[in-house]
């Protein structure tokens, strides 16, 4: 297996494991949400997508 592919597989496993831990651990989830709010500085998320546009249904289709 090429090194880059092996690294991507390892990264995917780490992200999946982290996501599973966050789903199972409500204290961790609450702490992450609080940190996210603090980093945002009270500013609400605003999508860069213009309101009159919609994302493509499948970006891989031709």
C-alpha atoms as a PDB file:
ATOM      1  CA  UNK A   1       0.000   0.000   0.000  1.00  0.00           C
ATOM      2  CA  UNK A   2       1.501   3.400  -0.929  1.00  0.00           C
ATOM      3  CA  UNK A   3       2.487   5.567   2.032  1.00  0.00           C
ATOM      4  CA  UNK A   4      -0.003   8.331   1.215  1.00  0.00           C
ATOM      5  CA  UNK A   5      -2.902   5.865   1.062  1.00  0.00           C
ATOM      6  CA  UNK A   6      -1.859   4.265   4.349  1.00  0.00           C
ATOM      7  CA  UNK A   7      -1.717   7.717   5.964  1.00  0.00           C
ATOM      8  CA  UNK A   8      -5.205   8.568   4.664  1.00  0.00           C
ATOM      9  CA  UNK A   9      -6.614   5.304   6.033  1.00  0.00           C
ATOM     10  CA  UNK A  10      -5.003   5.978   9.415  1.00  0.00           C
ATOM     11  CA  UNK A  11      -6.380   9.533   9.471  1.00  0.00           C
ATOM     12  CA  UNK A  12      -9.870   8.246   8.607  1.00  0.00           C
ATOM     13  CA  UNK A  13      -9.707   5.731  11.456  1.00  0.00           C
ATOM     14  CA  UNK A  14      -8.630   8.432  13.919  1.00  0.00           C
ATOM     15  CA  UNK A  15     -11.447  10.773  12.823  1.00  0.00           C
ATOM     16  CA  UNK A  16     -14.033   7.973  13.017  1.00  0.00           C
ATOM     17  CA  UNK A  17     -12.816   6.954  16.466  1.00  0.00           C
ATOM     18  CA  UNK A  18     -12.973  10.558  17.656  1.00  0.00           C
ATOM     19  CA  UNK A  19     -16.492  10.998  16.278  1.00  0.00           C
ATOM     20  CA  UNK A  20     -17.648   7.797  18.002  1.00  0.00           C
ATOM     21  CA  UNK A  21     -16.171   9.008  21.294  1.00  0.00           C
ATOM     22  CA  UNK A  22     -17.932  12.373  21.000  1.00  0.00           C
ATOM     23  CA  UNK A  23     -21.249  10.637  20.272  1.00  0.00           C
ATOM     24  CA  UNK A  24     -20.890   8.376  23.338  1.00  0.00           C
ATOM     25  CA  UNK A  25     -19.505  10.953  25.804  1.00  0.00           C
ATOM     26  CA  UNK A  26     -21.964  13.763  26.554  1.00  0.00           C
ATOM     27  CA  UNK A  27     -19.440  15.612  28.773  1.00  0.00           C
ATOM     28  CA  UNK A  28     -16.886  15.673  25.951  1.00  0.00           C
ATOM     29  CA  UNK A  29     -19.583  16.798  23.525  1.00  0.00           C
ATOM     30  CA  UNK A  30     -20.667  19.618  25.857  1.00  0.00           C
ATOM     31  CA  UNK A  31     -17.059  20.742  26.338  1.00  0.00           C
ATOM     32  CA  UNK A  32     -16.481  20.749  22.575  1.00  0.00           C
ATOM     33  CA  UNK A  33     -19.636  22.763  21.977  1.00  0.00           C
ATOM     34  CA  UNK A  34     -18.629  25.285  24.661  1.00  0.00           C
ATOM     35  CA  UNK A  35     -15.155  25.655  23.160  1.00  0.00           C
ATOM     36  CA  UNK A  36     -16.653  26.104  19.696  1.00  0.00           C
ATOM     37  CA  UNK A  37     -18.977  28.862  20.951  1.00  0.00           C
ATOM     38  CA  UNK A  38     -16.069  30.563  22.747  1.00  0.00           C
ATOM     39  CA  UNK A  39     -13.881  30.477  19.621  1.00  0.00           C
ATOM     40  CA  UNK A  40     -16.715  31.875  17.508  1.00  0.00           C
ATOM     41  CA  UNK A  41     -16.943  34.798  19.951  1.00  0.00           C
ATOM     42  CA  UNK A  42     -20.732  34.677  19.985  1.00  0.00           C
ATOM     43  CA  UNK A  43     -20.849  35.168  16.236  1.00  0.00           C
ATOM     44  CA  UNK A  44     -23.336  32.904  14.472  1.00  0.00           C
ATOM     45  CA  UNK A  45     -22.174  30.737  11.576  1.00  0.00           C
ATOM     46  CA  UNK A  46     -22.949  32.242   8.197  1.00  0.00           C
ATOM     47  CA  UNK A  47     -22.658  30.064   5.132  1.00  0.00           C
ATOM     48  CA  UNK A  48     -20.504  31.482   2.324  1.00  0.00           C
ATOM     49  CA  UNK A  49     -23.115  30.136  -0.132  1.00  0.00           C
ATOM     50  CA  UNK A  50     -25.351  32.998  -1.385  1.00  0.00           C
ATOM     51  CA  UNK A  51     -28.972  32.695  -0.243  1.00  0.00           C
ATOM     52  CA  UNK A  52     -30.270  32.490  -3.820  1.00  0.00           C
ATOM     53  CA  UNK A  53     -27.985  29.538  -4.714  1.00  0.00           C
ATOM     54  CA  UNK A  54     -28.247  25.870  -3.847  1.00  0.00           C
ATOM     55  CA  UNK A  55     -25.363  23.414  -3.713  1.00  0.00           C
ATOM     56  CA  UNK A  56     -25.217  20.762  -6.437  1.00  0.00           C
ATOM     57  CA  UNK A  57     -26.964  17.518  -5.565  1.00  0.00           C
ATOM     58  CA  UNK A  58     -23.943  15.442  -6.568  1.00  0.00           C
ATOM     59  CA  UNK A  59     -20.742  17.317  -7.272  1.00  0.00           C
ATOM     60  CA  UNK A  60     -19.239  14.291  -9.019  1.00  0.00           C
ATOM     61  CA  UNK A  61     -21.919  13.997 -11.662  1.00  0.00           C
ATOM     62  CA  UNK A  62     -21.241  15.456 -15.061  1.00  0.00           C
END
